[in-house]
C-alpha atoms as a PDB file:
ATOM      1  CA  MET A   1     -78.070 -11.383  63.830  1.00  0.00           C
ATOM      2  CA  LYS A   2     -75.156  -9.062  64.535  1.00  0.00           C
ATOM      3  CA  SER A   3     -74.328 -10.822  67.792  1.00  0.00           C
ATOM      4  CA  ALA A   4     -74.880 -14.308  66.343  1.00  0.00           C
ATOM      5  CA  PHE A   5     -72.438 -13.899  63.450  1.00  0.00           C
ATOM      6  CA  ASP A   6     -69.088 -12.226  64.006  1.00  0.00           C
ATOM      7  CA  ILE A   7     -68.378 -11.690  60.321  1.00  0.00           C
ATOM      8  CA  PRO A   8     -67.955  -8.612  58.107  1.00  0.00           C
ATOM      9  CA  TRP A   9     -71.307  -7.545  56.685  1.00  0.00           C
ATOM     10  CA  VAL A  10     -72.967  -4.807  54.643  1.00  0.00           C
ATOM     11  CA  MET A  11     -76.545  -3.561  54.713  1.00  0.00           C
ATOM     12  CA  ILE A  12     -77.739  -1.720  51.604  1.00  0.00           C
ATOM     13  CA  GLY A  13     -81.166  -0.543  50.514  1.00  0.00           C
ATOM     14  CA  ASP A  14     -84.036   1.911  50.810  1.00  0.00           C
ATOM     15  CA  PHE A  15     -84.390   2.988  54.453  1.00  0.00           C
ATOM     16  CA  ASN A  16     -87.339   5.357  53.764  1.00  0.00           C
ATOM     17  CA  GLU A  17     -85.886   7.988  56.104  1.00  0.00           C
ATOM     18  CA  THR A  18     -83.357  10.771  55.805  1.00  0.00           C
ATOM     19  CA  LEU A  19     -80.809  11.288  58.574  1.00  0.00           C
ATOM     20  CA  ALA A  20     -80.344  15.065  58.336  1.00  0.00           C
ATOM     21  CA  LYS A  21     -82.157  18.147  57.057  1.00  0.00           C
ATOM     22  CA  GLY A  22     -80.093  18.662  53.876  1.00  0.00           C
ATOM     23  CA  GLU A  23     -80.853  15.156  52.570  1.00  0.00           C
ATOM     24  CA  GLY A  24     -84.066  16.197  50.856  1.00  0.00           C
ATOM     25  CA  ASN A  25     -85.280  19.221  48.968  1.00  0.00           C
ATOM     26  CA  SER A  26     -88.301  19.420  51.229  1.00  0.00           C
ATOM     27  CA  ARG A  27     -88.115  21.550  54.352  1.00  0.00           C
ATOM     28  CA  PHE A  28     -89.876  18.742  56.225  1.00  0.00           C
ATOM     29  CA  ILE A  29     -87.961  16.001  58.016  1.00  0.00           C
ATOM     30  CA  ASN A  30     -89.649  13.199  59.894  1.00  0.00           C
ATOM     31  CA  ALA A  31     -87.800  13.691  63.190  1.00  0.00           C
ATOM     32  CA  ALA A  32     -89.241  10.550  64.821  1.00  0.00           C
ATOM     33  CA  GLY A  33     -88.349   8.332  61.844  1.00  0.00           C
ATOM     34  CA  SER A  34     -84.916   9.898  61.531  1.00  0.00           C
ATOM     35  CA  ASN A  35     -84.212   9.381  65.244  1.00  0.00           C
ATOM     36  CA  ASP A  36     -85.411   5.751  65.061  1.00  0.00           C
ATOM     37  CA  LEU A  37     -83.046   5.089  62.152  1.00  0.00           C
ATOM     38  CA  LYS A  38     -80.142   6.743  64.014  1.00  0.00           C
ATOM     39  CA  ARG A  39     -80.821   4.621  67.127  1.00  0.00           C
ATOM     40  CA  PHE A  40     -80.939   1.461  65.007  1.00  0.00           C
ATOM     41  CA  LEU A  41     -77.631   2.318  63.315  1.00  0.00           C
ATOM     42  CA  ASP A  42     -75.998   3.086  66.678  1.00  0.00           C
ATOM     43  CA  SER A  43     -77.282  -0.149  68.229  1.00  0.00           C
ATOM     44  CA  CYS A  44     -75.783  -2.155  65.342  1.00  0.00           C
ATOM     45  CA  ASN A  45     -72.569  -0.090  65.410  1.00  0.00           C
ATOM     46  CA  LEU A  46     -72.831   0.544  61.654  1.00  0.00           C
ATOM     47  CA  ILE A  47     -70.608   2.808  59.569  1.00  0.00           C
ATOM     48  CA  GLU A  48     -72.121   4.543  56.541  1.00  0.00           C
ATOM     49  CA  LEU A  49     -70.377   4.157  53.195  1.00  0.00           C
ATOM     50  CA  ALA A  50     -69.947   7.532  51.516  1.00  0.00           C
ATOM     51  CA  LEU A  51     -71.978   8.065  48.351  1.00  0.00           C
ATOM     52  CA  THR A  52     -69.785   9.482  45.594  1.00  0.00           C
ATOM     53  CA  GLY A  53     -70.972  11.835  42.887  1.00  0.00           C
ATOM     54  CA  HIS A  54     -74.571  12.348  44.018  1.00  0.00           C
ATOM     55  CA  SER A  55     -76.461  14.115  46.777  1.00  0.00           C
ATOM     56  CA  PHE A  56     -79.813  12.368  46.346  1.00  0.00           C
ATOM     57  CA  THR A  57     -80.845   8.802  45.538  1.00  0.00           C
ATOM     58  CA  CYS A  58     -84.622   9.064  45.135  1.00  0.00           C
ATOM     59  CA  PHE A  59     -86.429  11.325  42.656  1.00  0.00           C
ATOM     60  CA  ARG A  60     -90.251  11.520  42.659  1.00  0.00           C
ATOM     61  CA  GLY A  61     -91.751  14.323  40.654  1.00  0.00           C
ATOM     62  CA  GLY A  62     -90.007  17.449  41.920  1.00  0.00           C
ATOM     63  CA  SER A  63     -89.057  15.799  45.217  1.00  0.00           C
ATOM     64  CA  MET A  64     -85.523  14.533  45.836  1.00  0.00           C
ATOM     65  CA  SER A  65     -84.126  12.756  48.887  1.00  0.00           C
ATOM     66  CA  ARG A  66     -81.328  10.551  50.152  1.00  0.00           C
ATOM     67  CA  ILE A  67     -83.130   7.510  51.510  1.00  0.00           C
ATOM     68  CA  ASP A  68     -81.079   4.770  49.810  1.00  0.00           C
ATOM     69  CA  ARG A  69     -77.888   4.016  51.708  1.00  0.00           C
ATOM     70  CA  ALA A  70     -75.247   1.419  52.533  1.00  0.00           C
ATOM     71  CA  PHE A  71     -73.816   0.647  55.959  1.00  0.00           C
ATOM     72  CA  SER A  72     -71.100  -1.780  57.001  1.00  0.00           C
ATOM     73  CA  SER A  73     -69.963  -3.389  60.192  1.00  0.00           C
ATOM     74  CA  PRO A  74     -66.660  -2.103  61.643  1.00  0.00           C
ATOM     75  CA  LYS A  75     -65.038  -5.444  60.734  1.00  0.00           C
ATOM     76  CA  CYS A  76     -66.143  -5.073  57.110  1.00  0.00           C
ATOM     77  CA  HIS A  77     -65.040  -1.443  57.062  1.00  0.00           C
ATOM     78  CA  SER A  78     -61.546  -2.352  58.269  1.00  0.00           C
ATOM     79  CA  HIS A  79     -61.219  -5.207  55.731  1.00  0.00           C
ATOM     80  CA  PHE A  80     -62.440  -3.140  52.781  1.00  0.00           C
ATOM     81  CA  ARG A  81     -61.269   0.413  53.501  1.00  0.00           C
ATOM     82  CA  ASP A  82     -61.308   1.408  49.807  1.00  0.00           C
ATOM     83  CA  SER A  83     -64.998   0.591  49.415  1.00  0.00           C
ATOM     84  CA  ILE A  84     -67.193   3.335  48.035  1.00  0.00           C
ATOM     85  CA  LEU A  85     -70.860   3.600  47.228  1.00  0.00           C
ATOM     86  CA  ARG A  86     -71.752   4.584  43.674  1.00  0.00           C
ATOM     87  CA  MET A  87     -75.095   5.269  42.099  1.00  0.00           C
ATOM     88  CA  LEU A  88     -75.666   3.762  38.681  1.00  0.00           C
ATOM     89  CA  PRO A  89     -77.976   5.396  36.155  1.00  0.00           C
ATOM     90  CA  ARG A  90     -81.519   4.981  37.431  1.00  0.00           C
ATOM     91  CA  GLY A  91     -83.188   4.462  34.078  1.00  0.00           C
ATOM     92  CA  LEU A  92     -86.961   4.530  34.503  1.00  0.00           C
ATOM     93  CA  SER A  93     -86.933   3.938  38.260  1.00  0.00           C
ATOM     94  CA  ASP A  94     -87.362   6.736  40.770  1.00  0.00           C
ATOM     95  CA  HIS A  95     -84.512   5.248  42.834  1.00  0.00           C
ATOM     96  CA  GLY A  96     -80.859   5.195  41.807  1.00  0.00           C
ATOM     97  CA  GLN A  97     -79.274   1.750  41.757  1.00  0.00           C
ATOM     98  CA  LEU A  98     -76.514   1.564  44.357  1.00  0.00           C
ATOM     99  CA  ILE A  99     -73.385  -0.535  44.049  1.00  0.00           C
ATOM    100  CA  VAL A 100     -70.576  -1.025  46.531  1.00  0.00           C
ATOM    101  CA  GLY A 101     -67.139  -1.343  44.995  1.00  0.00           C
ATOM    102  CA  ASN A 102     -63.719   0.211  44.865  1.00  0.00           C
ATOM    103  CA  HIS A 103     -62.256   3.037  42.783  1.00  0.00           C
ATOM    104  CA  GLU A 104     -60.617   0.771  40.212  1.00  0.00           C
ATOM    105  CA  GLN A 105     -63.458  -1.643  39.711  1.00  0.00           C
ATOM    106  CA  ASP A 106     -63.325  -3.369  36.332  1.00  0.00           C
ATOM    107  CA  LYS A 107     -66.692  -3.821  34.628  1.00  0.00           C
ATOM    108  CA  GLY A 108     -65.534  -7.271  33.520  1.00  0.00           C
ATOM    109  CA  TRP A 109     -67.243  -9.628  31.096  1.00  0.00           C
ATOM    110  CA  ARG A 110     -70.434  -8.437  29.428  1.00  0.00           C
ATOM    111  CA  PRO A 111     -73.167 -10.854  28.414  1.00  0.00           C
ATOM    112  CA  PHE A 112     -74.412 -11.056  24.847  1.00  0.00           C
ATOM    113  CA  ARG A 113     -77.777  -9.341  24.458  1.00  0.00           C
ATOM    114  CA  PHE A 114     -80.234 -10.344  21.763  1.00  0.00           C
ATOM    115  CA  ILE A 115     -82.515  -7.538  20.615  1.00  0.00           C
ATOM    116  CA  ASP A 116     -86.006  -8.542  19.430  1.00  0.00           C
ATOM    117  CA  CYS A 117     -86.157  -5.912  16.678  1.00  0.00           C
ATOM    118  CA  TRP A 118     -83.381  -7.797  14.875  1.00  0.00           C
ATOM    119  CA  LEU A 119     -85.919 -10.477  13.907  1.00  0.00           C
ATOM    120  CA  TYR A 120     -87.852  -7.920  11.836  1.00  0.00           C
ATOM    121  CA  ASN A 121     -84.800  -6.762   9.898  1.00  0.00           C
ATOM    122  CA  PRO A 122     -84.543  -8.561   6.531  1.00  0.00           C
ATOM    123  CA  GLN A 123     -80.721  -8.649   6.760  1.00  0.00           C
ATOM    124  CA  PHE A 124     -80.642 -10.368  10.162  1.00  0.00           C
ATOM    125  CA  GLN A 125     -81.004 -13.969   8.942  1.00  0.00           C
ATOM    126  CA  GLU A 126     -78.313 -13.472   6.313  1.00  0.00           C
ATOM    127  CA  THR A 127     -75.926 -11.921   8.861  1.00  0.00           C
ATOM    128  CA  LEU A 128     -76.559 -14.756  11.316  1.00  0.00           C
ATOM    129  CA  GLN A 129     -75.903 -17.463   8.702  1.00  0.00           C
ATOM    130  CA  SER A 130     -72.814 -15.670   7.388  1.00  0.00           C
ATOM    131  CA  SER A 131     -71.364 -15.329  10.916  1.00  0.00           C
ATOM    132  CA  TRP A 132     -72.005 -19.027  11.605  1.00  0.00           C
ATOM    133  CA  GLN A 133     -70.426 -20.207   8.356  1.00  0.00           C
ATOM    134  CA  THR A 134     -67.315 -18.029   8.557  1.00  0.00           C
ATOM    135  CA  ALA A 135     -66.602 -18.835  12.205  1.00  0.00           C
ATOM    136  CA  PHE A 136     -63.321 -20.593  13.016  1.00  0.00           C
ATOM    137  CA  ILE A 137     -63.999 -24.341  13.402  1.00  0.00           C
ATOM    138  CA  GLU A 138     -60.571 -25.957  13.834  1.00  0.00           C
ATOM    139  CA  LEU A 139     -61.197 -26.787  17.487  1.00  0.00           C
ATOM    140  CA  PRO A 140     -62.419 -30.007  19.111  1.00  0.00           C
ATOM    141  CA  GLY A 141     -66.020 -30.613  20.267  1.00  0.00           C
ATOM    142  CA  ARG A 142     -67.567 -28.069  22.579  1.00  0.00           C
ATOM    143  CA  PHE A 143     -64.712 -25.579  22.042  1.00  0.00           C
ATOM    144  CA  ARG A 144     -65.790 -25.375  18.396  1.00  0.00           C
ATOM    145  CA  LEU A 145     -69.346 -24.473  19.447  1.00  0.00           C
ATOM    146  CA  LEU A 146     -68.132 -21.875  21.966  1.00  0.00           C
ATOM    147  CA  LYS A 147     -65.886 -20.288  19.342  1.00  0.00           C
ATOM    148  CA  LYS A 148     -68.717 -20.234  16.790  1.00  0.00           C
ATOM    149  CA  LEU A 149     -71.070 -18.604  19.319  1.00  0.00           C
ATOM    150  CA  SER A 150     -68.406 -16.034  20.142  1.00  0.00           C
ATOM    151  CA  CYS A 151     -67.942 -15.238  16.430  1.00  0.00           C
ATOM    152  CA  ILE A 152     -71.710 -14.942  15.939  1.00  0.00           C
ATOM    153  CA  ALA A 153     -71.968 -12.539  18.892  1.00  0.00           C
ATOM    154  CA  LYS A 154     -69.141 -10.416  17.491  1.00  0.00           C
ATOM    155  CA  GLY A 155     -70.677 -10.400  14.013  1.00  0.00           C
ATOM    156  CA  LEU A 156     -74.126  -9.461  15.322  1.00  0.00           C
ATOM    157  CA  ARG A 157     -72.693  -6.641  17.456  1.00  0.00           C
ATOM    158  CA  GLN A 158     -70.912  -5.204  14.416  1.00  0.00           C
ATOM    159  CA  TRP A 159     -74.048  -5.580  12.285  1.00  0.00           C
ATOM    160  CA  ASN A 160     -76.180  -3.947  15.001  1.00  0.00           C
ATOM    161  CA  ASN A 161     -73.811  -0.963  15.196  1.00  0.00           C
ATOM    162  CA  ALA A 162     -73.872  -0.593  11.397  1.00  0.00           C
ATOM    163  CA  GLN A 163     -77.676  -0.930  11.183  1.00  0.00           C
ATOM    164  CA  TYR A 164     -78.854   0.923  14.277  1.00  0.00           C
ATOM    165  CA  GLY A 165     -75.828   2.850  15.493  1.00  0.00           C
ATOM    166  CA  ASN A 166     -74.198   2.308  18.859  1.00  0.00           C
ATOM    167  CA  GLN A 167     -77.202   2.090  21.209  1.00  0.00           C
ATOM    168  CA  GLU A 168     -74.971   1.874  24.280  1.00  0.00           C
ATOM    169  CA  ASN A 169     -73.430   5.246  23.408  1.00  0.00           C
ATOM    170  CA  ARG A 170     -76.891   6.712  22.852  1.00  0.00           C
ATOM    171  CA  LEU A 171     -78.111   5.333  26.174  1.00  0.00           C
ATOM    172  CA  ALA A 172     -74.985   6.603  27.941  1.00  0.00           C
ATOM    173  CA  TRP A 173     -75.582  10.046  26.421  1.00  0.00           C
ATOM    174  CA  LEU A 174     -79.214  10.007  27.621  1.00  0.00           C
ATOM    175  CA  TYR A 175     -78.222   8.880  31.127  1.00  0.00           C
ATOM    176  CA  ASN A 176     -75.588  11.634  31.282  1.00  0.00           C
ATOM    177  CA  ARG A 177     -78.124  14.195  30.097  1.00  0.00           C
ATOM    178  CA  ILE A 178     -80.617  13.063  32.779  1.00  0.00           C
ATOM    179  CA  ALA A 179     -77.837  13.304  35.390  1.00  0.00           C
ATOM    180  CA  GLU A 180     -76.992  16.844  34.199  1.00  0.00           C
ATOM    181  CA  ILE A 181     -80.635  17.919  34.479  1.00  0.00           C
ATOM    182  CA  GLU A 182     -80.910  16.358  37.953  1.00  0.00           C
ATOM    183  CA  LYS A 183     -77.701  18.132  39.016  1.00  0.00           C
ATOM    184  CA  LEU A 184     -79.124  21.459  37.806  1.00  0.00           C
ATOM    185  CA  GLN A 185     -82.258  20.767  39.845  1.00  0.00           C
ATOM    186  CA  VAL A 186     -80.152  19.881  42.898  1.00  0.00           C
ATOM    187  CA  ASP A 187     -78.020  23.024  42.476  1.00  0.00           C
ATOM    188  CA  ARG A 188     -81.153  25.206  42.273  1.00  0.00           C
ATOM    189  CA  THR A 189     -82.689  23.667  45.401  1.00  0.00           C
ATOM    190  CA  PRO A 190     -82.329  25.992  48.411  1.00  0.00           C
ATOM    191  CA  THR A 191     -80.596  24.444  51.419  1.00  0.00           C
END
């Protein structure tokens, strides 16, 4: 495909092989698999995007390794020199989620998320009706509906924070705590 399309491109994913000895906490490295991956990367003339903030991308039990990576073509690398590879919180997965972006990437618009447990809260229906009735309606047609939906989303977010606390902050705290524990494990791993 590389020769058929002369366009900038990126390859990202789980390559199931490490490229060097220090990319896993195990003393074992699959030399044949590592060499095959290196030959493939050389034949495609790929440049690896540097992973920022983490040494490992896969965590299984006590085992850690760097098998998830991103590579770009030279054309892509020259067009997007500021690109970096970041690992998002991995949640329940044993692999970190990788994202290619730049240093000043804006998170942008966030979708509204409905949480099922709201349906079991006796105050939910009242909050929903109150938000709908107090929403600004001096707009024509579909703009009125969009504004009402926006007001409902805002009202439900405020109600959720008052009822259940800020779950995003709690999740962020948990993800940071997991990252701290993983970093301690990485720091204790002999090289």
